[in-house]
Protein backbone atom coordinates (compact mmCIF):
# COMPACT_ATOMS: atom_id res chain seq x y z
CA MET A 1 -14.25 -111.58 41.05
CA SER A 2 -13.43 -108.06 42.48
CA ASN A 3 -16.26 -105.69 43.13
CA PRO A 4 -16.20 -103.04 40.28
CA PHE A 5 -17.86 -100.47 42.54
CA VAL A 6 -14.99 -100.10 45.06
CA PRO A 7 -11.57 -98.68 44.54
CA PRO A 8 -9.10 -101.25 43.06
CA SER A 9 -5.98 -102.25 44.96
CA LEU A 10 -3.67 -99.32 45.24
CA ALA A 11 0.01 -99.68 44.82
CA ARG A 12 1.01 -96.88 47.32
CA GLN A 13 0.41 -97.38 50.91
CA ASN A 14 -0.50 -93.93 51.84
CA LEU A 15 -4.21 -94.47 52.45
CA GLY A 16 -6.98 -93.13 54.66
CA SER A 17 -10.52 -94.42 55.08
CA LEU A 18 -13.93 -92.85 54.64
CA ILE A 19 -17.39 -93.72 55.92
CA VAL A 20 -20.53 -91.78 55.04
CA GLN A 21 -23.30 -91.44 57.64
CA ILE A 22 -26.75 -90.42 56.33
CA SER A 23 -29.67 -89.35 58.44
CA SER A 24 -32.69 -87.12 58.17
CA ASP A 25 -31.99 -83.43 58.63
CA GLN A 26 -31.71 -82.61 62.35
CA GLU A 27 -33.52 -79.27 61.80
CA LEU A 28 -36.66 -81.15 60.64
CA GLY A 29 -36.96 -83.33 63.70
CA PRO A 30 -35.09 -86.14 65.56
CA LEU A 31 -32.26 -87.75 63.68
CA THR A 32 -33.36 -90.90 61.84
CA PRO A 33 -30.83 -93.08 60.04
CA LEU A 34 -31.72 -93.50 56.28
CA ALA A 35 -31.18 -96.80 54.62
CA GLY A 36 -30.92 -97.53 50.95
CA VAL A 37 -29.37 -94.11 49.93
CA GLN A 38 -26.99 -94.46 46.95
CA VAL A 39 -23.65 -92.76 47.60
CA THR A 40 -21.02 -92.05 44.87
CA VAL A 41 -17.39 -91.13 45.88
CA SER A 42 -15.33 -89.42 43.21
CA GLY A 43 -11.93 -88.01 42.82
CA ILE A 44 -11.64 -84.62 41.19
CA SER A 45 -8.72 -83.80 38.81
CA SER A 46 -6.97 -80.41 38.70
CA THR A 47 -9.15 -79.61 35.59
CA GLY A 48 -12.32 -80.51 37.55
CA GLU A 49 -12.97 -83.88 35.92
CA ALA A 50 -14.68 -86.43 38.21
CA THR A 51 -13.62 -90.04 38.35
CA THR A 52 -15.94 -92.46 40.20
CA LEU A 53 -14.04 -94.39 42.76
CA ALA A 54 -16.90 -96.11 44.60
CA GLN A 55 -20.57 -96.62 44.53
CA LEU A 56 -22.05 -97.54 47.94
CA THR A 57 -25.49 -97.99 49.59
CA THR A 58 -26.30 -97.09 53.26
CA ASN A 59 -27.25 -99.92 55.58
CA SER A 60 -30.01 -100.01 58.26
CA VAL A 61 -28.20 -97.64 60.51
CA GLY A 62 -27.53 -95.16 57.64
CA GLN A 63 -23.90 -96.01 57.16
CA THR A 64 -21.84 -97.06 54.11
CA ASP A 65 -19.08 -99.57 54.24
CA SER A 66 -15.67 -98.06 55.04
CA ILE A 67 -13.56 -97.58 51.94
CA GLU A 68 -9.85 -96.82 51.60
CA LEU A 69 -8.68 -93.81 49.60
CA GLU A 70 -5.40 -92.29 48.61
CA ALA A 71 -3.94 -89.61 50.63
CA PRO A 72 -0.54 -87.80 50.96
CA PRO A 73 2.11 -89.22 53.37
CA VAL A 74 1.18 -88.62 56.97
CA ASP A 75 4.55 -86.90 57.57
CA LEU A 76 3.37 -83.84 55.68
CA SER A 77 0.68 -83.10 58.39
CA LEU A 78 3.24 -83.52 61.17
CA ASP A 79 5.79 -81.01 59.80
CA PRO A 80 4.83 -77.38 60.81
CA LEU A 81 6.99 -75.93 58.05
CA ASN A 82 5.37 -78.07 55.20
CA THR A 83 3.57 -75.95 52.58
CA ASN A 84 2.02 -78.79 50.64
CA ARG A 85 -1.57 -79.91 51.20
CA PRO A 86 -1.39 -82.87 53.63
CA TYR A 87 -4.68 -84.48 52.69
CA SER A 88 -6.71 -85.47 49.60
CA THR A 89 -10.11 -84.19 48.79
CA TYR A 90 -13.06 -86.04 47.22
CA ARG A 91 -16.66 -85.46 46.06
CA ILE A 92 -19.53 -87.22 47.70
CA GLU A 93 -22.94 -87.43 46.03
CA THR A 94 -26.16 -89.00 47.33
CA THR A 95 -29.17 -90.20 45.32
CA SER A 96 -32.54 -91.20 46.67
CA PRO A 97 -36.06 -90.83 45.30
CA ASP A 98 -37.47 -89.62 48.62
CA TYR A 99 -34.78 -87.07 49.54
CA VAL A 100 -33.05 -84.11 47.83
CA ASP A 101 -29.79 -85.11 46.32
CA VAL A 102 -26.63 -83.73 47.96
CA VAL A 103 -23.29 -82.92 46.40
CA ILE A 104 -20.34 -82.29 48.75
CA ASP A 105 -17.10 -81.03 47.36
CA GLY A 106 -13.82 -81.06 49.45
CA THR A 107 -14.32 -84.03 51.82
CA GLN A 108 -10.82 -84.40 53.36
CA VAL A 109 -8.94 -87.70 53.77
CA PHE A 110 -5.70 -88.01 55.74
CA SER A 111 -3.41 -91.05 55.69
CA ASP A 112 -3.97 -93.51 58.55
CA THR A 113 -7.13 -91.64 59.61
CA ARG A 114 -10.79 -92.39 59.31
CA SER A 115 -12.91 -89.56 57.80
CA ILE A 116 -16.59 -89.51 58.79
CA GLN A 117 -18.89 -87.63 56.37
CA PRO A 118 -22.25 -86.87 58.03
CA ILE A 119 -25.08 -85.84 55.67
CA GLY A 120 -28.46 -84.77 56.70
CA LEU A 121 -31.09 -85.20 53.86
CA GLN A 122 -34.24 -83.26 53.38
CA PRO A 123 -37.46 -84.70 51.87
CA THR A 124 -38.28 -83.90 48.26
CA VAL A 125 -41.83 -83.00 49.28
CA ARG A 126 -40.66 -79.73 50.90
CA ASN A 127 -39.79 -76.80 48.60
CA THR A 128 -38.12 -74.41 51.06
CA LEU A 129 -36.52 -74.71 54.36
CA THR A 130 -36.22 -71.87 56.93
CA ARG A 131 -33.06 -71.76 59.09
CA GLY A 132 -33.51 -68.99 61.58
CA LEU A 133 -34.25 -65.86 59.63
CA MET A 134 -32.89 -67.40 56.41
CA SER A 135 -34.87 -69.21 53.66
CA ARG A 136 -33.16 -71.14 50.94
CA GLN A 137 -34.16 -73.51 48.13
CA LEU A 138 -33.52 -77.17 48.80
CA THR A 139 -30.49 -77.51 46.52
CA GLU A 140 -27.83 -79.15 48.62
CA ASP A 141 -24.52 -78.13 47.19
CA ILE A 142 -21.91 -78.09 49.97
CA VAL A 143 -18.27 -76.92 49.66
CA ILE A 144 -15.77 -77.74 52.39
CA GLY A 145 -13.09 -75.08 52.66
CA PRO A 146 -9.42 -75.98 53.03
CA SER A 147 -8.02 -76.39 56.59
CA THR A 148 -6.98 -73.08 58.21
CA LEU A 149 -3.44 -74.51 58.44
CA TYR A 150 -3.25 -74.80 54.69
CA GLY A 151 -5.65 -72.23 53.23
CA ASN A 152 -5.56 -68.46 53.59
CA TYR A 153 -7.90 -66.96 56.13
CA PRO A 154 -7.99 -63.66 58.08
CA GLU A 155 -5.88 -63.63 61.22
CA LYS A 156 -7.61 -63.40 64.55
CA ILE A 157 -8.23 -59.89 65.70
CA PRO A 158 -6.84 -59.81 69.25
CA GLU A 159 -9.33 -59.50 72.06
CA ALA A 160 -9.14 -59.31 75.87
CA ALA A 161 -9.03 -62.91 77.28
CA ILE A 162 -11.46 -61.84 80.07
CA LYS A 163 -14.39 -59.66 79.09
CA PRO A 164 -14.99 -56.77 81.46
CA ILE A 165 -18.39 -56.90 83.10
CA VAL A 166 -19.44 -53.54 84.74
CA PRO A 167 -22.46 -53.69 87.05
CA GLY A 168 -25.26 -51.55 85.78
CA SER A 169 -23.86 -51.48 82.25
CA GLY A 170 -26.64 -53.57 80.79
CA PHE A 171 -24.06 -56.21 79.78
CA ILE A 172 -25.75 -59.57 80.35
CA THR A 173 -23.97 -62.82 81.35
CA LEU A 174 -25.18 -66.21 82.42
CA SER A 175 -25.32 -67.02 86.08
CA SER A 176 -22.93 -69.96 85.74
CA VAL A 177 -20.85 -71.64 83.05
CA ILE A 178 -23.00 -74.23 81.18
CA VAL A 179 -22.49 -76.43 78.09
CA PRO A 180 -25.51 -75.63 75.91
CA GLU A 181 -27.15 -78.46 73.99
CA TYR A 182 -27.10 -76.29 70.78
CA ILE A 183 -25.47 -73.12 69.58
CA ILE A 184 -26.31 -70.94 66.75
CA VAL A 185 -23.50 -70.33 64.23
CA HIS A 186 -23.45 -67.42 61.87
CA THR A 187 -21.55 -68.44 58.75
CA GLY A 188 -20.05 -65.09 58.02
CA SER A 189 -18.49 -62.16 59.68
CA PRO A 190 -20.62 -60.19 62.26
CA ASN A 191 -20.85 -57.41 59.63
CA ASP A 192 -22.42 -59.70 57.07
CA ASN A 193 -26.12 -59.86 57.88
CA SER A 194 -26.89 -61.93 54.74
CA ALA A 195 -24.99 -65.04 55.79
CA PRO A 196 -27.13 -67.91 57.08
CA ASN A 197 -27.32 -69.06 60.73
CA TYR A 198 -27.25 -72.78 61.59
CA THR A 199 -28.34 -74.35 64.86
CA ILE A 200 -25.74 -77.01 65.66
CA PRO A 201 -25.31 -79.44 68.63
CA PHE A 202 -22.49 -78.00 70.83
CA VAL A 203 -20.34 -81.15 70.63
CA ASP A 204 -20.77 -81.41 66.83
CA TYR A 205 -19.72 -77.72 66.57
CA ILE A 206 -16.50 -78.33 68.63
CA SER A 207 -15.64 -81.37 66.37
CA ASN A 208 -16.40 -79.30 63.26
CA VAL A 209 -14.06 -76.46 64.27
CA ALA A 210 -11.32 -78.90 65.43
CA SER A 211 -11.56 -80.71 62.09
CA SER A 212 -11.27 -77.42 60.33
CA GLU A 213 -8.35 -75.81 62.28
CA ILE A 214 -6.02 -78.73 63.31
CA TYR A 215 -4.90 -81.99 61.75
CA PRO A 216 -6.27 -85.32 62.98
CA THR A 217 -2.80 -86.99 62.70
CA TRP A 218 -1.29 -84.88 65.46
CA PRO A 219 -0.46 -86.49 68.92
CA ILE A 220 -3.40 -87.06 71.11
CA GLU A 221 -2.34 -84.65 73.85
CA THR A 222 -1.89 -81.92 71.16
CA ILE A 223 -5.36 -82.48 69.70
CA LYS A 224 -6.63 -82.49 73.30
CA ALA A 225 -5.10 -79.10 74.15
CA ASN A 226 -6.45 -77.57 70.97
CA ILE A 227 -9.97 -78.85 71.54
CA ILE A 228 -9.86 -77.53 75.14
CA ALA A 229 -8.84 -74.09 73.75
CA ILE A 230 -11.66 -74.21 71.14
CA THR A 231 -14.17 -75.20 73.91
CA SER A 232 -13.06 -72.48 76.31
CA PHE A 233 -13.23 -69.83 73.64
CA THR A 234 -16.71 -71.04 72.65
CA LEU A 235 -17.95 -71.19 76.31
CA ASN A 236 -16.74 -67.53 76.78
CA ARG A 237 -18.98 -66.51 73.89
CA VAL A 238 -21.82 -68.47 75.46
CA TYR A 239 -21.24 -67.19 79.09
CA THR A 240 -20.95 -63.53 78.06
CA GLU A 241 -23.69 -63.69 75.57
CA TRP A 242 -21.18 -61.75 73.45
CA TYR A 243 -23.13 -61.46 70.20
CA ARG A 244 -26.57 -61.30 71.69
CA ASN A 245 -25.53 -58.35 73.80
CA GLN A 246 -24.75 -56.68 70.45
CA GLY A 247 -28.29 -57.47 69.18
CA LYS A 248 -27.26 -60.42 67.11
CA PRO A 249 -29.41 -63.46 66.90
CA TYR A 250 -26.54 -66.03 67.19
CA THR A 251 -23.86 -67.35 69.52
CA ILE A 252 -20.69 -67.34 67.44
CA THR A 253 -19.51 -66.69 63.88
CA SER A 254 -17.41 -68.70 61.33
CA SER A 255 -15.06 -65.75 60.67
CA THR A 256 -11.45 -66.56 61.70
CA ALA A 257 -10.98 -62.88 62.29
CA TYR A 258 -13.44 -63.00 65.22
CA ASP A 259 -14.07 -66.59 66.09
CA HIS A 260 -13.27 -70.05 64.61
CA ALA A 261 -13.51 -71.60 61.15
CA PHE A 262 -16.73 -73.63 60.68
CA PHE A 263 -18.01 -75.30 57.53
CA PHE A 264 -21.61 -76.46 57.51
CA GLY A 265 -21.71 -80.07 56.32
CA ARG A 266 -18.08 -80.82 56.59
CA ASN A 267 -16.58 -84.17 57.32
CA LEU A 268 -15.13 -84.94 60.70
CA PHE A 269 -12.23 -87.18 61.84
CA ASP A 270 -12.51 -90.10 64.22
CA SER A 271 -9.57 -89.07 66.35
CA ILE A 272 -10.98 -85.55 66.82
CA VAL A 273 -14.49 -86.87 67.48
CA ASP A 274 -13.28 -89.27 70.11
CA ILE A 275 -11.21 -86.66 72.02
CA THR A 276 -13.97 -84.07 71.78
CA ALA A 277 -16.22 -86.53 73.54
CA GLN A 278 -13.71 -86.69 76.40
CA VAL A 279 -13.07 -82.96 76.93
CA PHE A 280 -16.10 -81.03 75.59
CA ASP A 281 -16.89 -79.81 79.11
CA VAL A 282 -13.28 -78.81 80.04
CA TYR A 283 -12.40 -75.12 79.83
CA VAL A 284 -9.72 -72.65 81.04
CA LYS A 285 -10.27 -70.13 83.80
CA ARG A 286 -8.18 -67.58 85.70
CA GLY A 287 -8.07 -67.57 89.48
CA ASP A 288 -11.34 -66.99 91.23
CA LEU A 289 -13.08 -65.64 88.07
CA THR A 290 -16.03 -67.77 86.82
CA GLN A 291 -15.76 -66.59 83.19
CA PRO A 292 -14.14 -69.03 80.77
CA LEU A 293 -11.02 -67.65 79.22
CA LEU A 294 -11.20 -66.45 75.68
CA THR A 295 -8.39 -68.79 74.57
CA GLN A 296 -7.00 -67.26 71.36
CA TYR A 297 -4.27 -69.17 69.45
CA CYS A 298 -2.49 -69.25 66.07
CA ASP A 299 -0.32 -71.75 64.20
CA GLY A 300 2.96 -70.11 65.06
CA VAL A 301 4.18 -70.31 61.55
CA LYS A 302 2.05 -68.36 59.14
CA SER A 303 1.30 -65.95 61.97
CA SER A 304 2.74 -65.17 65.34
CA CYS A 305 0.91 -64.44 68.47
CA PRO A 306 3.01 -63.58 71.57
CA ASN A 307 1.51 -64.83 74.84
CA TRP A 308 -1.10 -66.82 72.93
CA MET A 309 -1.11 -70.65 72.52
CA THR A 310 0.48 -72.10 69.40
CA GLN A 311 -1.28 -75.06 68.03
CA CYS A 312 1.20 -77.90 67.62
CA GLN A 313 3.24 -77.90 70.82
CA TYR A 314 3.52 -79.86 74.06
CA THR A 315 0.77 -81.78 75.97
CA ALA A 316 -2.54 -80.30 77.06
CA ILE A 317 -1.35 -79.48 80.62
CA LYS A 318 2.16 -78.34 79.47
CA ILE A 319 0.66 -75.93 76.91
CA TYR A 320 -1.34 -74.15 79.53
CA THR A 321 1.30 -74.15 82.24
CA TYR A 322 3.88 -72.86 79.65
CA PHE A 323 1.84 -70.26 77.83
CA LYS A 324 -0.65 -69.41 80.45
CA PRO A 325 0.78 -70.11 83.88
CA LYS A 326 -1.98 -68.29 85.75
CA GLU A 327 -4.77 -70.39 84.11
CA GLU A 328 -6.30 -73.61 85.26
CA LEU A 329 -8.50 -76.24 83.65
CA VAL A 330 -12.00 -76.73 84.90
CA THR A 331 -14.55 -79.48 84.27
CA ILE A 332 -18.26 -78.64 84.16
CA LEU A 333 -19.12 -81.47 86.57
CA SER A 334 -23.01 -81.23 86.36
CA TYR A 335 -22.84 -81.69 82.59
CA ARG A 336 -20.35 -84.59 82.85
CA LEU A 337 -22.60 -86.37 85.39
CA PHE A 338 -25.44 -85.95 82.91
CA PHE A 339 -23.34 -87.27 80.11
CA TRP A 340 -22.32 -90.36 82.06
CA PHE A 341 -25.93 -90.93 83.16
CA CYS A 342 -26.94 -90.91 79.41
CA PHE A 343 -24.09 -93.26 78.60
CA ILE A 344 -24.80 -95.68 81.42
CA SER A 345 -28.55 -95.65 80.68
CA THR A 346 -27.83 -96.24 77.10
CA TYR A 347 -25.37 -99.04 77.83
CA ILE A 348 -27.87 -100.83 79.96
CA LEU A 349 -30.63 -100.50 77.31
CA ARG A 350 -28.32 -101.53 74.46
CA TYR A 351 -26.36 -104.30 75.96
CA LEU A 352 -28.13 -105.60 79.04
CA LEU A 353 -31.81 -105.31 78.09
CA MET A 354 -32.22 -105.21 74.30
CA PRO A 355 -30.44 -103.94 71.18
CA ILE A 356 -31.93 -100.71 69.67
CA ASN A 357 -30.48 -100.63 66.10
CA ASN A 358 -27.24 -99.04 67.35
CA THR A 359 -29.19 -95.79 68.17
CA PHE A 360 -28.21 -93.90 71.33
CA LEU A 361 -31.03 -92.53 73.34
CA CYS A 362 -29.31 -89.63 75.00
CA SER A 363 -27.90 -86.68 73.09
CA ARG A 364 -24.47 -85.49 74.06
């Protein structure tokens, strides 16, 4: 007998997969996988009516089984002139007696791609949670906005690729280029002081932005080039202390007019997560300058950007040599050595000494 709580066999072959990963909220302490959480996956009609497609339960490492869901043909996401939405969206709901329920609207699924929906749950015993200077009630309603390639967002306001640093001006920069463990994201424009700030692991932030601004079905080298551009842009904000020098308590914003799109609580894509792990410490620089380049780009279709990078062309190296012939790619070696030390240490502990419930000991 077929399981009535998973989607039935689908006649069409345009399918993507979804896995939900549930843990304790990272702002309340170390991440802890949560088992036994009930997860409902629903499709939403154009009139807003929900249809339950799957009812799942997280296992000992906080994951649900992977399920297949309908999605548009993959060709739509590979055609830069396509105006139809190339992905499907779903609603994810969690239920647990010990944690606040979460409802996520807009989880995106592409054909032939695995979507990963991370969810951090907060205990029901807490009434409020402070995030930086913001305090909010523990009602977890999360809305994931459309991809910037499909939705309508403000165009990037052009900036100098290299920020001028004048000795004695009071402009503070870091002594070297570093990959921070965390960055603080302001989910609004720099002019909106009411928007909340979120402290996000750097690698998770890069994956979130890339999942919001490019498609996971693109060729690997194209994805890699875009992630390097996102990383270099972000490291410029970190290195120059751009917003902190303006008296702001954050590293970067989620406004596409100033920085990159970022959606708190959004789903990620396995292809993007994997490539981010490979190049999160690679950035673009110019000549002998230490400062990472503020690598601005556009889609080249809805908006044009002479002398900037367009998002869906060439390989990682060819993009930079074609659009920015004076630039070079640099790897932050010290951080990569730390990353590999963590990886090797974890591998030894996990596979040579003892299994530790699939939990990594080192944070990237």
